Amino acid sequence: MLVLSRKIEQEVCLPELGVNIKVLNVKGNTVRLGIEAPQDIHILRGELNEIRKEFQTEFEIPTEDLSGFKKQVA
């Protein structure tokens, strides 16, 4: 994990992805971030990503089970 210190209005850039993350405000123990990214980049808060992972695993279908379905559709 890379750990960086930034002040208000300073940015962290991920140029290969076209993502810029800017510190907008710090109030107490809360930091407000502004994130600029291409539309095809998904951005989720950490706690929502964990829920997404649980949901995805719970309903995951093995790809070998889809082979017959693909033949029927084609």
C-alpha atoms as a PDB file:
ATOM      1  CA  MET A   1       0.000   0.000   0.000  1.00  0.00           C
ATOM      2  CA  LEU A   2       1.270   3.427  -0.928  1.00  0.00           C
ATOM      3  CA  VAL A   3       0.672   6.009   1.817  1.00  0.00           C
ATOM      4  CA  LEU A   4       0.672   9.697   0.839  1.00  0.00           C
ATOM      5  CA  SER A   5       0.105  12.917   2.735  1.00  0.00           C
ATOM      6  CA  ARG A   6      -1.840  15.636   0.920  1.00  0.00           C
ATOM      7  CA  LYS A   7      -3.089  19.064   1.917  1.00  0.00           C
ATOM      8  CA  ILE A   8      -6.390  20.646   0.910  1.00  0.00           C
ATOM      9  CA  GLU A   9      -6.510  21.287  -2.865  1.00  0.00           C
ATOM     10  CA  GLN A  10      -3.621  18.875  -3.530  1.00  0.00           C
ATOM     11  CA  GLU A  11      -4.136  15.886  -5.807  1.00  0.00           C
ATOM     12  CA  VAL A  12      -3.083  12.315  -6.368  1.00  0.00           C
ATOM     13  CA  CYS A  13      -3.076  11.295 -10.037  1.00  0.00           C
ATOM     14  CA  LEU A  14      -3.269   7.877 -11.667  1.00  0.00           C
ATOM     15  CA  PRO A  15      -2.344   8.901 -15.218  1.00  0.00           C
ATOM     16  CA  GLU A  16      -2.571   5.414 -16.766  1.00  0.00           C
ATOM     17  CA  LEU A  17      -6.230   5.274 -15.695  1.00  0.00           C
ATOM     18  CA  GLY A  18      -7.058   8.934 -16.271  1.00  0.00           C
ATOM     19  CA  VAL A  19      -7.989   9.345 -12.582  1.00  0.00           C
ATOM     20  CA  ASN A  20      -7.358  12.408 -10.394  1.00  0.00           C
ATOM     21  CA  ILE A  21      -8.196  12.427  -6.686  1.00  0.00           C
ATOM     22  CA  LYS A  22      -8.277  15.822  -4.966  1.00  0.00           C
ATOM     23  CA  VAL A  23      -8.533  16.614  -1.246  1.00  0.00           C
ATOM     24  CA  LEU A  24     -11.411  19.095  -1.035  1.00  0.00           C
ATOM     25  CA  ASN A  25     -11.860  19.527   2.698  1.00  0.00           C
ATOM     26  CA  VAL A  26     -10.805  18.120   6.055  1.00  0.00           C
ATOM     27  CA  LYS A  27     -13.145  18.512   9.011  1.00  0.00           C
ATOM     28  CA  GLY A  28     -12.353  16.606  12.197  1.00  0.00           C
ATOM     29  CA  ASN A  29     -11.725  13.008  11.184  1.00  0.00           C
ATOM     30  CA  THR A  30     -13.601  13.341   7.870  1.00  0.00           C
ATOM     31  CA  VAL A  31     -11.858  13.964   4.560  1.00  0.00           C
ATOM     32  CA  ARG A  32     -13.838  15.023   1.476  1.00  0.00           C
ATOM     33  CA  LEU A  33     -12.361  13.831  -1.793  1.00  0.00           C
ATOM     34  CA  GLY A  34     -13.179  14.824  -5.346  1.00  0.00           C
ATOM     35  CA  ILE A  35     -12.564  12.115  -7.920  1.00  0.00           C
ATOM     36  CA  GLU A  36     -12.338  12.728 -11.656  1.00  0.00           C
ATOM     37  CA  ALA A  37     -12.344   9.555 -13.732  1.00  0.00           C
ATOM     38  CA  PRO A  38     -13.521   8.237 -17.085  1.00  0.00           C
ATOM     39  CA  GLN A  39     -17.098   6.936 -17.096  1.00  0.00           C
ATOM     40  CA  ASP A  40     -15.958   3.335 -17.529  1.00  0.00           C
ATOM     41  CA  ILE A  41     -14.058   3.443 -14.207  1.00  0.00           C
ATOM     42  CA  HIS A  42     -16.251   2.243 -11.332  1.00  0.00           C
ATOM     43  CA  ILE A  43     -15.786   4.100  -8.051  1.00  0.00           C
ATOM     44  CA  LEU A  44     -17.238   2.697  -4.833  1.00  0.00           C
ATOM     45  CA  ARG A  45     -16.769   3.479  -1.164  1.00  0.00           C
ATOM     46  CA  GLY A  46     -14.910   0.645   0.568  1.00  0.00           C
ATOM     47  CA  GLU A  47     -17.914  -0.583   2.559  1.00  0.00           C
ATOM     48  CA  LEU A  48     -20.069  -0.753  -0.584  1.00  0.00           C
ATOM     49  CA  ASN A  49     -17.371  -2.671  -2.418  1.00  0.00           C
ATOM     50  CA  GLU A  50     -17.361  -5.290   0.369  1.00  0.00           C
ATOM     51  CA  ILE A  51     -21.151  -5.693   0.049  1.00  0.00           C
ATOM     52  CA  ARG A  52     -20.787  -5.991  -3.740  1.00  0.00           C
ATOM     53  CA  LYS A  53     -18.158  -8.722  -3.329  1.00  0.00           C
ATOM     54  CA  GLU A  54     -20.397 -10.684  -0.936  1.00  0.00           C
ATOM     55  CA  PHE A  55     -23.394 -10.350  -3.258  1.00  0.00           C
ATOM     56  CA  GLN A  56     -21.339 -11.328  -6.317  1.00  0.00           C
ATOM     57  CA  THR A  57     -19.906 -14.441  -4.624  1.00  0.00           C
ATOM     58  CA  GLU A  58     -23.310 -15.479  -3.287  1.00  0.00           C
ATOM     59  CA  PHE A  59     -24.874 -15.525  -6.754  1.00  0.00           C
ATOM     60  CA  GLU A  60     -21.847 -16.526  -8.809  1.00  0.00           C
ATOM     61  CA  ILE A  61     -22.581 -19.130 -11.492  1.00  0.00           C
ATOM     62  CA  PRO A  62     -19.696 -21.354 -12.615  1.00  0.00           C
ATOM     63  CA  THR A  63     -18.927 -20.685 -16.291  1.00  0.00           C
ATOM     64  CA  GLU A  64     -19.099 -24.383 -17.166  1.00  0.00           C
ATOM     65  CA  ASP A  65     -22.812 -24.280 -16.222  1.00  0.00           C
ATOM     66  CA  LEU A  66     -23.374 -21.666 -18.950  1.00  0.00           C
ATOM     67  CA  SER A  67     -21.979 -23.702 -21.862  1.00  0.00           C
ATOM     68  CA  GLY A  68     -25.346 -25.278 -22.698  1.00  0.00           C
ATOM     69  CA  PHE A  69     -27.098 -21.929 -22.412  1.00  0.00           C
ATOM     70  CA  LYS A  70     -24.705 -20.339 -24.891  1.00  0.00           C
ATOM     71  CA  LYS A  71     -25.442 -23.067 -27.453  1.00  0.00           C
ATOM     72  CA  GLN A  72     -29.218 -22.611 -27.038  1.00  0.00           C
ATOM     73  CA  VAL A  73     -29.035 -18.844 -27.503  1.00  0.00           C
ATOM     74  CA  ALA A  74     -26.799 -19.005 -30.593  1.00  0.00           C
END
